[in-house]
Amino acid sequence: MLETAITRSGAELGSPKAASKRREATAATSKRADNRRSNRLAWLVVEGQGQRFHAAMRDYAEDGARLTVSGLMGIPDRFFLYVEPDSIRYDCHVLERRGNTVRVSFTARADNVRFRDDRRS
């Protein structure tokens, strides 16, 4: 009985079902590689205000991200997001809200801009 189970599992390794599982695992790995900028620290800034709020940027893509913000009561529909390590400023528009987490789309991008430098001008 044990021999039959071992033989059966060995035969399944070459099956189309096993190949499909390997492809799914490879696709998941490449998706993670595409989101290589996930979990970035950023600053949320409302236009016309000098105060900034810490935000954790998750599920980053070229056109948007999911942000978790603490210390802010009510996130406005539009704001700036400064990603300091990358020196990038995004103009953001909120698509979805869930508690202190929002999903945003990036409407514009400015490179080589940091909050502390942009604030002086």
PDB file of N, CA and C in Angstrom:
ATOM      1  N   MET A   1       0.821  -1.186   0.000  1.00  0.00           N
ATOM      2  CA  MET A   1       0.000   0.000   0.000  1.00  0.00           C
ATOM      3  C   MET A   1       0.871   1.258   0.000  1.00  0.00           C
ATOM      4  N   LEU A   2       1.915   1.269   0.840  1.00  0.00           N
ATOM      5  CA  LEU A   2       2.827   2.406   0.888  1.00  0.00           C
ATOM      6  C   LEU A   2       3.549   2.556  -0.443  1.00  0.00           C
ATOM      7  N   GLU A   3       3.946   1.401  -1.035  1.00  0.00           N
ATOM      8  CA  GLU A   3       4.616   1.421  -2.321  1.00  0.00           C
ATOM      9  C   GLU A   3       3.722   2.030  -3.404  1.00  0.00           C
ATOM     10  N   THR A   4       2.445   1.715  -3.364  1.00  0.00           N
ATOM     11  CA  THR A   4       1.496   2.251  -4.333  1.00  0.00           C
ATOM     12  C   THR A   4       1.366   3.759  -4.187  1.00  0.00           C
ATOM     13  N   ALA A   5       1.333   4.247  -2.942  1.00  0.00           N
ATOM     14  CA  ALA A   5       1.221   5.691  -2.707  1.00  0.00           C
ATOM     15  C   ALA A   5       2.460   6.418  -3.209  1.00  0.00           C
ATOM     16  N   ILE A   6       3.633   5.848  -2.988  1.00  0.00           N
ATOM     17  CA  ILE A   6       4.879   6.478  -3.447  1.00  0.00           C
ATOM     18  C   ILE A   6       4.917   6.486  -4.973  1.00  0.00           C
ATOM     19  N   THR A   7       4.552   5.384  -5.584  1.00  0.00           N
ATOM     20  CA  THR A   7       4.543   5.294  -7.040  1.00  0.00           C
ATOM     21  C   THR A   7       3.547   6.286  -7.630  1.00  0.00           C
ATOM     22  N   ARG A   8       2.378   6.379  -7.027  1.00  0.00           N
ATOM     23  CA  ARG A   8       1.344   7.283  -7.515  1.00  0.00           C
ATOM     24  C   ARG A   8       1.813   8.738  -7.416  1.00  0.00           C
ATOM     25  N   SER A   9       2.436   9.117  -6.281  1.00  0.00           N
ATOM     26  CA  SER A   9       2.887  10.500  -6.132  1.00  0.00           C
ATOM     27  C   SER A   9       4.005  10.813  -7.104  1.00  0.00           C
ATOM     28  N   GLY A  10       4.866   9.846  -7.404  1.00  0.00           N
ATOM     29  CA  GLY A  10       5.928  10.053  -8.382  1.00  0.00           C
ATOM     30  C   GLY A  10       5.369  10.229  -9.772  1.00  0.00           C
ATOM     31  N   ALA A  11       4.322   9.502 -10.088  1.00  0.00           N
ATOM     32  CA  ALA A  11       3.696   9.620 -11.402  1.00  0.00           C
ATOM     33  C   ALA A  11       3.007  10.960 -11.564  1.00  0.00           C
ATOM     34  N   GLU A  12       2.484  11.511 -10.471  1.00  0.00           N
ATOM     35  CA  GLU A  12       1.773  12.783 -10.547  1.00  0.00           C
ATOM     36  C   GLU A  12       2.718  13.956 -10.791  1.00  0.00           C
ATOM     37  N   LEU A  13       4.013  13.796 -10.493  1.00  0.00           N
ATOM     38  CA  LEU A  13       4.957  14.892 -10.701  1.00  0.00           C
ATOM     39  C   LEU A  13       5.044  15.285 -12.178  1.00  0.00           C
ATOM     40  N   GLY A  14       4.880  14.335 -13.056  1.00  0.00           N
ATOM     41  CA  GLY A  14       4.946  14.633 -14.487  1.00  0.00           C
ATOM     42  C   GLY A  14       3.595  14.972 -15.080  1.00  0.00           C
ATOM     43  N   SER A  15       2.570  15.020 -14.282  1.00  0.00           N
ATOM     44  CA  SER A  15       1.226  15.259 -14.788  1.00  0.00           C
ATOM     45  C   SER A  15       1.018  16.729 -15.143  1.00  0.00           C
ATOM     46  N   PRO A  16       0.052  17.012 -16.003  1.00  0.00           N
ATOM     47  CA  PRO A  16      -0.259  18.409 -16.353  1.00  0.00           C
ATOM     48  C   PRO A  16      -0.677  19.231 -15.142  1.00  0.00           C
ATOM     49  N   LYS A  17      -1.315  18.584 -14.164  1.00  0.00           N
ATOM     50  CA  LYS A  17      -1.742  19.291 -12.960  1.00  0.00           C
ATOM     51  C   LYS A  17      -0.532  19.796 -12.166  1.00  0.00           C
ATOM     52  N   ALA A  18       0.505  18.975 -12.055  1.00  0.00           N
ATOM     53  CA  ALA A  18       1.722  19.385 -11.347  1.00  0.00           C
ATOM     54  C   ALA A  18       2.417  20.517 -12.106  1.00  0.00           C
ATOM     55  N   ALA A  19       2.430  20.418 -13.437  1.00  0.00           N
ATOM     56  CA  ALA A  19       3.050  21.478 -14.244  1.00  0.00           C
ATOM     57  C   ALA A  19       2.303  22.792 -14.058  1.00  0.00           C
ATOM     58  N   SER A  20       0.988  22.719 -13.962  1.00  0.00           N
ATOM     59  CA  SER A  20       0.176  23.913 -13.743  1.00  0.00           C
ATOM     60  C   SER A  20       0.514  24.562 -12.404  1.00  0.00           C
ATOM     61  N   LYS A  21       0.703  23.747 -11.370  1.00  0.00           N
ATOM     62  CA  LYS A  21       1.063  24.279 -10.050  1.00  0.00           C
ATOM     63  C   LYS A  21       2.423  24.957 -10.093  1.00  0.00           C
ATOM     64  N   ARG A  22       3.376  24.375 -10.841  1.00  0.00           N
ATOM     65  CA  ARG A  22       4.697  24.998 -10.955  1.00  0.00           C
ATOM     66  C   ARG A  22       4.597  26.344 -11.663  1.00  0.00           C
ATOM     67  N   ARG A  23       3.759  26.420 -12.735  1.00  0.00           N
ATOM     68  CA  ARG A  23       3.584  27.693 -13.441  1.00  0.00           C
ATOM     69  C   ARG A  23       2.961  28.743 -12.525  1.00  0.00           C
ATOM     70  N   GLU A  24       1.971  28.353 -11.720  1.00  0.00           N
ATOM     71  CA  GLU A  24       1.337  29.288 -10.791  1.00  0.00           C
ATOM     72  C   GLU A  24       2.341  29.817  -9.781  1.00  0.00           C
ATOM     73  N   ALA A  25       3.217  28.946  -9.273  1.00  0.00           N
ATOM     74  CA  ALA A  25       4.231  29.368  -8.311  1.00  0.00           C
ATOM     75  C   ALA A  25       5.211  30.338  -8.962  1.00  0.00           C
ATOM     76  N   THR A  26       5.586  30.082 -10.217  1.00  0.00           N
ATOM     77  CA  THR A  26       6.495  30.972 -10.937  1.00  0.00           C
ATOM     78  C   THR A  26       5.831  32.319 -11.190  1.00  0.00           C
ATOM     79  N   ALA A  27       4.545  32.318 -11.535  1.00  0.00           N
ATOM     80  CA  ALA A  27       3.822  33.572 -11.773  1.00  0.00           C
ATOM     81  C   ALA A  27       3.727  34.388 -10.492  1.00  0.00           C
ATOM     82  N   ALA A  28       3.503  33.737  -9.357  1.00  0.00           N
ATOM     83  CA  ALA A  28       3.424  34.453  -8.082  1.00  0.00           C
ATOM     84  C   ALA A  28       4.772  35.079  -7.740  1.00  0.00           C
ATOM     85  N   THR A  29       5.859  34.357  -8.019  1.00  0.00           N
ATOM     86  CA  THR A  29       7.193  34.893  -7.751  1.00  0.00           C
ATOM     87  C   THR A  29       7.476  36.100  -8.623  1.00  0.00           C
ATOM     88  N   SER A  30       7.109  36.041  -9.910  1.00  0.00           N
ATOM     89  CA  SER A  30       7.367  37.177 -10.799  1.00  0.00           C
ATOM     90  C   SER A  30       6.490  38.363 -10.437  1.00  0.00           C
ATOM     91  N   LYS A  31       5.269  38.119  -9.938  1.00  0.00           N
ATOM     92  CA  LYS A  31       4.405  39.222  -9.507  1.00  0.00           C
ATOM     93  C   LYS A  31       5.043  39.950  -8.332  1.00  0.00           C
ATOM     94  N   ARG A  32       5.609  39.189  -7.402  1.00  0.00           N
ATOM     95  CA  ARG A  32       6.294  39.813  -6.264  1.00  0.00           C
ATOM     96  C   ARG A  32       7.487  40.627  -6.745  1.00  0.00           C
ATOM     97  N   ALA A  33       8.182  40.151  -7.753  1.00  0.00           N
ATOM     98  CA  ALA A  33       9.327  40.888  -8.286  1.00  0.00           C
ATOM     99  C   ALA A  33       8.877  42.187  -8.928  1.00  0.00           C
ATOM    100  N   ASP A  34       7.688  42.182  -9.572  1.00  0.00           N
ATOM    101  CA  ASP A  34       7.163  43.401 -10.179  1.00  0.00           C
ATOM    102  C   ASP A  34       6.838  44.444  -9.118  1.00  0.00           C
ATOM    103  N   ASN A  35       6.408  44.007  -7.967  1.00  0.00           N
ATOM    104  CA  ASN A  35       6.096  44.925  -6.871  1.00  0.00           C
ATOM    105  C   ASN A  35       7.320  45.101  -5.983  1.00  0.00           C
ATOM    106  N   ARG A  36       8.483  45.280  -6.582  1.00  0.00           N
ATOM    107  CA  ARG A  36       9.727  45.347  -5.826  1.00  0.00           C
ATOM    108  C   ARG A  36       9.784  46.569  -4.915  1.00  0.00           C
ATOM    109  N   ARG A  37       8.930  47.531  -5.123  1.00  0.00           N
ATOM    110  CA  ARG A  37       8.930  48.716  -4.283  1.00  0.00           C
ATOM    111  C   ARG A  37       7.842  48.663  -3.222  1.00  0.00           C
ATOM    112  N   SER A  38       7.336  47.492  -2.945  1.00  0.00           N
ATOM    113  CA  SER A  38       6.298  47.367  -1.927  1.00  0.00           C
ATOM    114  C   SER A  38       6.847  47.752  -0.564  1.00  0.00           C
ATOM    115  N   ASN A  39       5.945  48.134   0.313  1.00  0.00           N
ATOM    116  CA  ASN A  39       6.275  48.483   1.685  1.00  0.00           C
ATOM    117  C   ASN A  39       7.303  49.615   1.773  1.00  0.00           C
ATOM    118  N   ARG A  40       7.042  50.683   1.062  1.00  0.00           N
ATOM    119  CA  ARG A  40       7.907  51.866   1.104  1.00  0.00           C
ATOM    120  C   ARG A  40       7.335  52.856   2.096  1.00  0.00           C
ATOM    121  N   LEU A  41       8.201  53.596   2.746  1.00  0.00           N
ATOM    122  CA  LEU A  41       7.768  54.653   3.653  1.00  0.00           C
ATOM    123  C   LEU A  41       7.579  55.933   2.859  1.00  0.00           C
ATOM    124  N   ALA A  42       6.529  56.653   3.191  1.00  0.00           N
ATOM    125  CA  ALA A  42       6.217  57.873   2.449  1.00  0.00           C
ATOM    126  C   ALA A  42       5.576  58.885   3.397  1.00  0.00           C
ATOM    127  N   TRP A  43       5.401  60.109   2.886  1.00  0.00           N
ATOM    128  CA  TRP A  43       4.754  61.187   3.642  1.00  0.00           C
ATOM    129  C   TRP A  43       3.570  61.708   2.848  1.00  0.00           C
ATOM    130  N   LEU A  44       2.441  61.769   3.494  1.00  0.00           N
ATOM    131  CA  LEU A  44       1.225  62.295   2.889  1.00  0.00           C
ATOM    132  C   LEU A  44       1.122  63.764   3.266  1.00  0.00           C
ATOM    133  N   VAL A  45       0.954  64.637   2.271  1.00  0.00           N
ATOM    134  CA  VAL A  45       0.878  66.073   2.500  1.00  0.00           C
ATOM    135  C   VAL A  45      -0.341  66.624   1.777  1.00  0.00           C
ATOM    136  N   VAL A  46      -1.173  67.357   2.505  1.00  0.00           N
ATOM    137  CA  VAL A  46      -2.340  67.996   1.915  1.00  0.00           C
ATOM    138  C   VAL A  46      -1.899  69.353   1.381  1.00  0.00           C
ATOM    139  N   GLU A  47      -2.352  69.689   0.172  1.00  0.00           N
ATOM    140  CA  GLU A  47      -1.940  70.948  -0.455  1.00  0.00           C
ATOM    141  C   GLU A  47      -2.299  72.139   0.429  1.00  0.00           C
ATOM    142  N   GLY A  48      -1.350  73.052   0.581  1.00  0.00           N
ATOM    143  CA  GLY A  48      -1.569  74.250   1.380  1.00  0.00           C
ATOM    144  C   GLY A  48      -1.239  74.075   2.862  1.00  0.00           C
ATOM    145  N   GLN A  49      -0.833  72.866   3.258  1.00  0.00           N
ATOM    146  CA  GLN A  49      -0.466  72.629   4.651  1.00  0.00           C
ATOM    147  C   GLN A  49       0.996  72.214   4.724  1.00  0.00           C
ATOM    148  N   GLY A  50       1.654  72.637   5.763  1.00  0.00           N
ATOM    149  CA  GLY A  50       3.063  72.296   5.940  1.00  0.00           C
ATOM    150  C   GLY A  50       3.266  71.024   6.731  1.00  0.00           C
ATOM    151  N   GLN A  51       2.205  70.497   7.315  1.00  0.00           N
ATOM    152  CA  GLN A  51       2.322  69.292   8.131  1.00  0.00           C
ATOM    153  C   GLN A  51       2.273  68.053   7.246  1.00  0.00           C
ATOM    154  N   ARG A  52       3.039  67.049   7.622  1.00  0.00           N
ATOM    155  CA  ARG A  52       3.034  65.798   6.871  1.00  0.00           C
ATOM    156  C   ARG A  52       2.619  64.655   7.783  1.00  0.00           C
ATOM    157  N   PHE A  53       2.110  63.589   7.183  1.00  0.00           N
ATOM    158  CA  PHE A  53       1.660  62.417   7.916  1.00  0.00           C
ATOM    159  C   PHE A  53       2.356  61.181   7.365  1.00  0.00           C
ATOM    160  N   HIS A  54       2.833  60.348   8.263  1.00  0.00           N
ATOM    161  CA  HIS A  54       3.524  59.122   7.870  1.00  0.00           C
ATOM    162  C   HIS A  54       2.552  58.170   7.179  1.00  0.00           C
ATOM    163  N   ALA A  55       2.997  57.546   6.085  1.00  0.00           N
ATOM    164  CA  ALA A  55       2.183  56.575   5.354  1.00  0.00           C
ATOM    165  C   ALA A  55       3.057  55.400   4.949  1.00  0.00           C
ATOM    166  N   ALA A  56       2.519  54.208   5.067  1.00  0.00           N
ATOM    167  CA  ALA A  56       3.195  53.003   4.585  1.00  0.00           C
ATOM    168  C   ALA A  56       2.599  52.670   3.221  1.00  0.00           C
ATOM    169  N   MET A  57       3.437  52.648   2.196  1.00  0.00           N
ATOM    170  CA  MET A  57       2.972  52.390   0.840  1.00  0.00           C
ATOM    171  C   MET A  57       3.111  50.898   0.558  1.00  0.00           C
ATOM    172  N   ARG A  58       1.987  50.267   0.236  1.00  0.00           N
ATOM    173  CA  ARG A  58       1.960  48.823  -0.031  1.00  0.00           C
ATOM    174  C   ARG A  58       1.347  48.578  -1.408  1.00  0.00           C
ATOM    175  N   ASP A  59       1.594  47.403  -1.934  1.00  0.00           N
ATOM    176  CA  ASP A  59       1.055  47.018  -3.246  1.00  0.00           C
ATOM    177  C   ASP A  59       1.315  48.101  -4.285  1.00  0.00           C
ATOM    178  N   TYR A  60       2.537  48.527  -4.371  1.00  0.00           N
ATOM    179  CA  TYR A  60       2.945  49.590  -5.280  1.00  0.00           C
ATOM    180  C   TYR A  60       2.894  49.117  -6.727  1.00  0.00           C
ATOM    181  N   ALA A  61       2.353  49.950  -7.585  1.00  0.00           N
ATOM    182  CA  ALA A  61       2.362  49.732  -9.035  1.00  0.00           C
ATOM    183  C   ALA A  61       2.645  51.079  -9.684  1.00  0.00           C
ATOM    184  N   GLU A  62       2.866  51.098 -10.972  1.00  0.00           N
ATOM    185  CA  GLU A  62       3.178  52.351 -11.666  1.00  0.00           C
ATOM    186  C   GLU A  62       2.013  53.344 -11.635  1.00  0.00           C
ATOM    187  N   ASP A  63       0.789  52.839 -11.557  1.00  0.00           N
ATOM    188  CA  ASP A  63      -0.372  53.723 -11.616  1.00  0.00           C
ATOM    189  C   ASP A  63      -1.058  53.948 -10.277  1.00  0.00           C
ATOM    190  N   GLY A  64      -0.595  53.313  -9.198  1.00  0.00           N
ATOM    191  CA  GLY A  64      -1.230  53.518  -7.898  1.00  0.00           C
ATOM    192  C   GLY A  64      -0.641  52.639  -6.826  1.00  0.00           C
ATOM    193  N   ALA A  65      -1.233  52.719  -5.635  1.00  0.00           N
ATOM    194  CA  ALA A  65      -0.743  51.943  -4.496  1.00  0.00           C
ATOM    195  C   ALA A  65      -1.821  51.880  -3.429  1.00  0.00           C
ATOM    196  N   ARG A  66      -1.548  51.087  -2.420  1.00  0.00           N
ATOM    197  CA  ARG A  66      -2.405  51.034  -1.239  1.00  0.00           C
ATOM    198  C   ARG A  66      -1.604  51.644  -0.102  1.00  0.00           C
ATOM    199  N   LEU A  67      -2.198  52.590   0.617  1.00  0.00           N
ATOM    200  CA  LEU A  67      -1.511  53.308   1.689  1.00  0.00           C
ATOM    201  C   LEU A  67      -2.186  53.036   3.018  1.00  0.00           C
ATOM    202  N   THR A  68      -1.382  52.883   4.044  1.00  0.00           N
ATOM    203  CA  THR A  68      -1.885  52.808   5.405  1.00  0.00           C
ATOM    204  C   THR A  68      -1.355  54.036   6.121  1.00  0.00           C
ATOM    205  N   VAL A  69      -2.270  54.848   6.633  1.00  0.00           N
ATOM    206  CA  VAL A  69      -1.912  56.131   7.244  1.00  0.00           C
ATOM    207  C   VAL A  69      -2.315  56.112   8.715  1.00  0.00           C
ATOM    208  N   SER A  70      -1.421  56.578   9.574  1.00  0.00           N
ATOM    209  CA  SER A  70      -1.758  56.688  10.992  1.00  0.00           C
ATOM    210  C   SER A  70      -1.668  58.147  11.409  1.00  0.00           C
ATOM    211  N   GLY A  71      -2.500  58.528  12.341  1.00  0.00           N
ATOM    212  CA  GLY A  71      -2.447  59.877  12.880  1.00  0.00           C
ATOM    213  C   GLY A  71      -3.194  60.912  12.067  1.00  0.00           C
ATOM    214  N   LEU A  72      -4.009  60.502  11.133  1.00  0.00           N
ATOM    215  CA  LEU A  72      -4.752  61.449  10.312  1.00  0.00           C
ATOM    216  C   LEU A  72      -6.223  61.087  10.377  1.00  0.00           C
ATOM    217  N   MET A  73      -7.022  62.036  10.811  1.00  0.00           N
ATOM    218  CA  MET A  73      -8.458  61.819  10.921  1.00  0.00           C
ATOM    219  C   MET A  73      -9.125  62.238   9.615  1.00  0.00           C
ATOM    220  N   GLY A  74      -9.378  61.324   8.746  1.00  0.00           N
ATOM    221  CA  GLY A  74     -10.017  61.659   7.474  1.00  0.00           C
ATOM    222  C   GLY A  74      -8.994  62.034   6.422  1.00  0.00           C
ATOM    223  N   ILE A  75      -8.848  61.205   5.453  1.00  0.00           N
ATOM    224  CA  ILE A  75      -7.899  61.436   4.371  1.00  0.00           C
ATOM    225  C   ILE A  75      -8.637  62.151   3.249  1.00  0.00           C
ATOM    226  N   PRO A  76      -8.109  63.283   2.765  1.00  0.00           N
ATOM    227  CA  PRO A  76      -8.798  64.017   1.698  1.00  0.00           C
ATOM    228  C   PRO A  76      -8.780  63.237   0.384  1.00  0.00           C
ATOM    229  N   ASP A  77      -9.612  63.662  -0.569  1.00  0.00           N
ATOM    230  CA  ASP A  77      -9.698  62.971  -1.858  1.00  0.00           C
ATOM    231  C   ASP A  77      -8.433  63.131  -2.697  1.00  0.00           C
ATOM    232  N   ARG A  78      -7.765  64.267  -2.547  1.00  0.00           N
ATOM    233  CA  ARG A  78      -6.536  64.525  -3.305  1.00  0.00           C
ATOM    234  C   ARG A  78      -5.449  65.010  -2.355  1.00  0.00           C
ATOM    235  N   PHE A  79      -4.222  64.540  -2.591  1.00  0.00           N
ATOM    236  CA  PHE A  79      -3.086  64.932  -1.759  1.00  0.00           C
ATOM    237  C   PHE A  79      -1.796  64.594  -2.489  1.00  0.00           C
ATOM    238  N   PHE A  80      -0.668  65.040  -1.914  1.00  0.00           N
ATOM    239  CA  PHE A  80       0.656  64.710  -2.436  1.00  0.00           C
ATOM    240  C   PHE A  80       1.231  63.584  -1.588  1.00  0.00           C
ATOM    241  N   LEU A  81       1.989  62.711  -2.221  1.00  0.00           N
ATOM    242  CA  LEU A  81       2.661  61.628  -1.522  1.00  0.00           C
ATOM    243  C   LEU A  81       4.143  61.710  -1.854  1.00  0.00           C
ATOM    244  N   TYR A  82       4.957  61.983  -0.848  1.00  0.00           N
ATOM    245  CA  TYR A  82       6.403  62.077  -1.026  1.00  0.00           C
ATOM    246  C   TYR A  82       7.033  60.761  -0.603  1.00  0.00           C
ATOM    247  N   VAL A  83       7.740  60.119  -1.522  1.00  0.00           N
ATOM    248  CA  VAL A  83       8.489  58.909  -1.216  1.00  0.00           C
ATOM    249  C   VAL A  83       9.944  59.355  -1.084  1.00  0.00           C
ATOM    250  N   GLU A  84      10.347  59.642   0.146  1.00  0.00           N
ATOM    251  CA  GLU A  84      11.643  60.285   0.397  1.00  0.00           C
ATOM    252  C   GLU A  84      12.850  59.474  -0.078  1.00  0.00           C
ATOM    253  N   PRO A  85      12.929  58.162   0.184  1.00  0.00           N
ATOM    254  CA  PRO A  85      14.142  57.463  -0.266  1.00  0.00           C
ATOM    255  C   PRO A  85      14.338  57.508  -1.779  1.00  0.00           C
ATOM    256  N   ASP A  86      13.234  57.598  -2.523  1.00  0.00           N
ATOM    257  CA  ASP A  86      13.319  57.619  -3.983  1.00  0.00           C
ATOM    258  C   ASP A  86      13.272  59.027  -4.558  1.00  0.00           C
ATOM    259  N   SER A  87      13.032  60.036  -3.719  1.00  0.00           N
ATOM    260  CA  SER A  87      12.910  61.435  -4.146  1.00  0.00           C
ATOM    261  C   SER A  87      11.845  61.607  -5.228  1.00  0.00           C
ATOM    262  N   ILE A  88      10.661  61.065  -4.955  1.00  0.00           N
ATOM    263  CA  ILE A  88       9.543  61.132  -5.893  1.00  0.00           C
ATOM    264  C   ILE A  88       8.343  61.740  -5.187  1.00  0.00           C
ATOM    265  N   ARG A  89       7.620  62.597  -5.905  1.00  0.00           N
ATOM    266  CA  ARG A  89       6.353  63.124  -5.396  1.00  0.00           C
ATOM    267  C   ARG A  89       5.244  62.704  -6.350  1.00  0.00           C
ATOM    268  N   TYR A  90       4.216  62.096  -5.794  1.00  0.00           N
ATOM    269  CA  TYR A  90       3.050  61.697  -6.582  1.00  0.00           C
ATOM    270  C   TYR A  90       1.877  62.577  -6.214  1.00  0.00           C
ATOM    271  N   ASP A  91       1.087  62.963  -7.195  1.00  0.00           N
ATOM    272  CA  ASP A  91      -0.218  63.572  -6.954  1.00  0.00           C
ATOM    273  C   ASP A  91      -1.190  62.400  -6.909  1.00  0.00           C
ATOM    274  N   CYS A  92      -1.931  62.274  -5.818  1.00  0.00           N
ATOM    275  CA  CYS A  92      -2.773  61.106  -5.607  1.00  0.00           C
ATOM    276  C   CYS A  92      -4.250  61.451  -5.580  1.00  0.00           C
ATOM    277  N   HIS A  93      -5.044  60.510  -6.017  1.00  0.00           N
ATOM    278  CA  HIS A  93      -6.498  60.595  -5.979  1.00  0.00           C
ATOM    279  C   HIS A  93      -7.005  59.312  -5.329  1.00  0.00           C
ATOM    280  N   VAL A  94      -7.828  59.439  -4.288  1.00  0.00           N
ATOM    281  CA  VAL A  94      -8.322  58.283  -3.543  1.00  0.00           C
ATOM    282  C   VAL A  94      -9.378  57.550  -4.357  1.00  0.00           C
ATOM    283  N   LEU A  95      -9.216  56.235  -4.474  1.00  0.00           N
ATOM    284  CA  LEU A  95     -10.176  55.388  -5.180  1.00  0.00           C
ATOM    285  C   LEU A  95     -11.072  54.616  -4.215  1.00  0.00           C
ATOM    286  N   GLU A  96     -10.498  54.191  -3.091  1.00  0.00           N
ATOM    287  CA  GLU A  96     -11.239  53.362  -2.144  1.00  0.00           C
ATOM    288  C   GLU A  96     -10.719  53.610  -0.732  1.00  0.00           C
ATOM    289  N   ARG A  97     -11.621  53.588   0.255  1.00  0.00           N
ATOM    290  CA  ARG A  97     -11.253  53.813   1.655  1.00  0.00           C
ATOM    291  C   ARG A  97     -11.714  52.635   2.505  1.00  0.00           C
ATOM    292  N   ARG A  98     -10.862  52.228   3.430  1.00  0.00           N
ATOM    293  CA  ARG A  98     -11.205  51.200   4.424  1.00  0.00           C
ATOM    294  C   ARG A  98     -10.454  51.518   5.700  1.00  0.00           C
ATOM    295  N   GLY A  99     -11.114  52.172   6.629  1.00  0.00           N
ATOM    296  CA  GLY A  99     -10.466  52.550   7.882  1.00  0.00           C
ATOM    297  C   GLY A  99      -9.324  53.513   7.625  1.00  0.00           C
ATOM    298  N   ASN A 100      -8.127  53.149   8.095  1.00  0.00           N
ATOM    299  CA  ASN A 100      -6.960  54.007   7.876  1.00  0.00           C
ATOM    300  C   ASN A 100      -6.155  53.568   6.644  1.00  0.00           C
ATOM    301  N   THR A 101      -6.758  52.736   5.797  1.00  0.00           N
ATOM    302  CA  THR A 101      -6.111  52.284   4.562  1.00  0.00           C
ATOM    303  C   THR A 101      -6.892  52.818   3.365  1.00  0.00           C
ATOM    304  N   VAL A 102      -6.167  53.337   2.377  1.00  0.00           N
ATOM    305  CA  VAL A 102      -6.787  53.846   1.161  1.00  0.00           C
ATOM    306  C   VAL A 102      -6.066  53.272  -0.050  1.00  0.00           C
ATOM    307  N   ARG A 103      -6.801  53.112  -1.122  1.00  0.00           N
ATOM    308  CA  ARG A 103      -6.214  52.737  -2.410  1.00  0.00           C
ATOM    309  C   ARG A 103      -6.242  53.993  -3.261  1.00  0.00           C
ATOM    310  N   VAL A 104      -5.086  54.365  -3.812  1.00  0.00           N
ATOM    311  CA  VAL A 104      -4.978  55.606  -4.576  1.00  0.00           C
ATOM    312  C   VAL A 104      -4.478  55.335  -5.989  1.00  0.00           C
ATOM    313  N   SER A 105      -4.797  56.279  -6.866  1.00  0.00           N
ATOM    314  CA  SER A 105      -4.203  56.271  -8.202  1.00  0.00           C
ATOM    315  C   SER A 105      -3.273  57.479  -8.279  1.00  0.00           C
ATOM    316  N   PHE A 106      -2.191  57.318  -9.025  1.00  0.00           N
ATOM    317  CA  PHE A 106      -1.243  58.404  -9.218  1.00  0.00           C
ATOM    318  C   PHE A 106      -1.652  59.182 -10.461  1.00  0.00           C
ATOM    319  N   THR A 107      -1.919  60.488 -10.289  1.00  0.00           N
ATOM    320  CA  THR A 107      -2.319  61.306 -11.432  1.00  0.00           C
ATOM    321  C   THR A 107      -1.131  62.043 -12.048  1.00  0.00           C
ATOM    322  N   ALA A 108      -0.081  62.247 -11.275  1.00  0.00           N
ATOM    323  CA  ALA A 108       1.129  62.906 -11.784  1.00  0.00           C
ATOM    324  C   ALA A 108       2.311  62.460 -10.942  1.00  0.00           C
ATOM    325  N   ARG A 109       3.505  62.595 -11.519  1.00  0.00           N
ATOM    326  CA  ARG A 109       4.731  62.189 -10.827  1.00  0.00           C
ATOM    327  C   ARG A 109       5.808  63.232 -11.078  1.00  0.00           C
ATOM    328  N   ALA A 110       6.534  63.588 -10.026  1.00  0.00           N
ATOM    329  CA  ALA A 110       7.668  64.508 -10.150  1.00  0.00           C
ATOM    330  C   ALA A 110       8.885  63.827  -9.535  1.00  0.00           C
ATOM    331  N   ASP A 111       9.954  63.718 -10.304  1.00  0.00           N
ATOM    332  CA  ASP A 111      11.182  63.089  -9.817  1.00  0.00           C
ATOM    333  C   ASP A 111      12.102  64.125  -9.187  1.00  0.00           C
ATOM    334  N   ASN A 112      13.013  63.643  -8.365  1.00  0.00           N
ATOM    335  CA  ASN A 112      14.004  64.476  -7.676  1.00  0.00           C
ATOM    336  C   ASN A 112      13.357  65.567  -6.829  1.00  0.00           C
ATOM    337  N   VAL A 113      12.264  65.229  -6.162  1.00  0.00           N
ATOM    338  CA  VAL A 113      11.565  66.168  -5.278  1.00  0.00           C
ATOM    339  C   VAL A 113      11.456  65.521  -3.902  1.00  0.00           C
ATOM    340  N   ARG A 114      11.916  66.237  -2.895  1.00  0.00           N
ATOM    341  CA  ARG A 114      11.809  65.773  -1.512  1.00  0.00           C
ATOM    342  C   ARG A 114      10.943  66.757  -0.748  1.00  0.00           C
ATOM    343  N   PHE A 115      10.242  66.269   0.254  1.00  0.00           N
ATOM    344  CA  PHE A 115       9.336  67.120   1.030  1.00  0.00           C
ATOM    345  C   PHE A 115      10.086  68.293   1.652  1.00  0.00           C
ATOM    346  N   ARG A 116      11.213  68.021   2.262  1.00  0.00           N
ATOM    347  CA  ARG A 116      11.933  69.097   2.950  1.00  0.00           C
ATOM    348  C   ARG A 116      12.453  70.158   1.997  1.00  0.00           C
ATOM    349  N   ASP A 117      12.751  69.799   0.734  1.00  0.00           N
ATOM    350  CA  ASP A 117      13.204  70.775  -0.261  1.00  0.00           C
ATOM    351  C   ASP A 117      12.019  71.506  -0.884  1.00  0.00           C
ATOM    352  N   ASP A 118      10.934  70.785  -1.150  1.00  0.00           N
ATOM    353  CA  ASP A 118       9.749  71.356  -1.801  1.00  0.00           C
ATOM    354  C   ASP A 118       9.039  72.344  -0.879  1.00  0.00           C
ATOM    355  N   ARG A 119       9.146  72.139   0.404  1.00  0.00           N
ATOM    356  CA  ARG A 119       8.481  72.975   1.405  1.00  0.00           C
ATOM    357  C   ARG A 119       9.072  74.378   1.458  1.00  0.00           C
ATOM    358  N   ARG A 120      10.341  74.499   1.145  1.00  0.00           N
ATOM    359  CA  ARG A 120      11.033  75.806   1.219  1.00  0.00           C
ATOM    360  C   ARG A 120      10.628  76.757   0.108  1.00  0.00           C
ATOM    361  N   SER A 121      10.234  76.205  -1.022  1.00  0.00           N
ATOM    362  CA  SER A 121       9.911  77.083  -2.170  1.00  0.00           C
ATOM    363  C   SER A 121       8.531  77.641  -2.129  1.00  0.00           C
TER     364      SER A 121
END
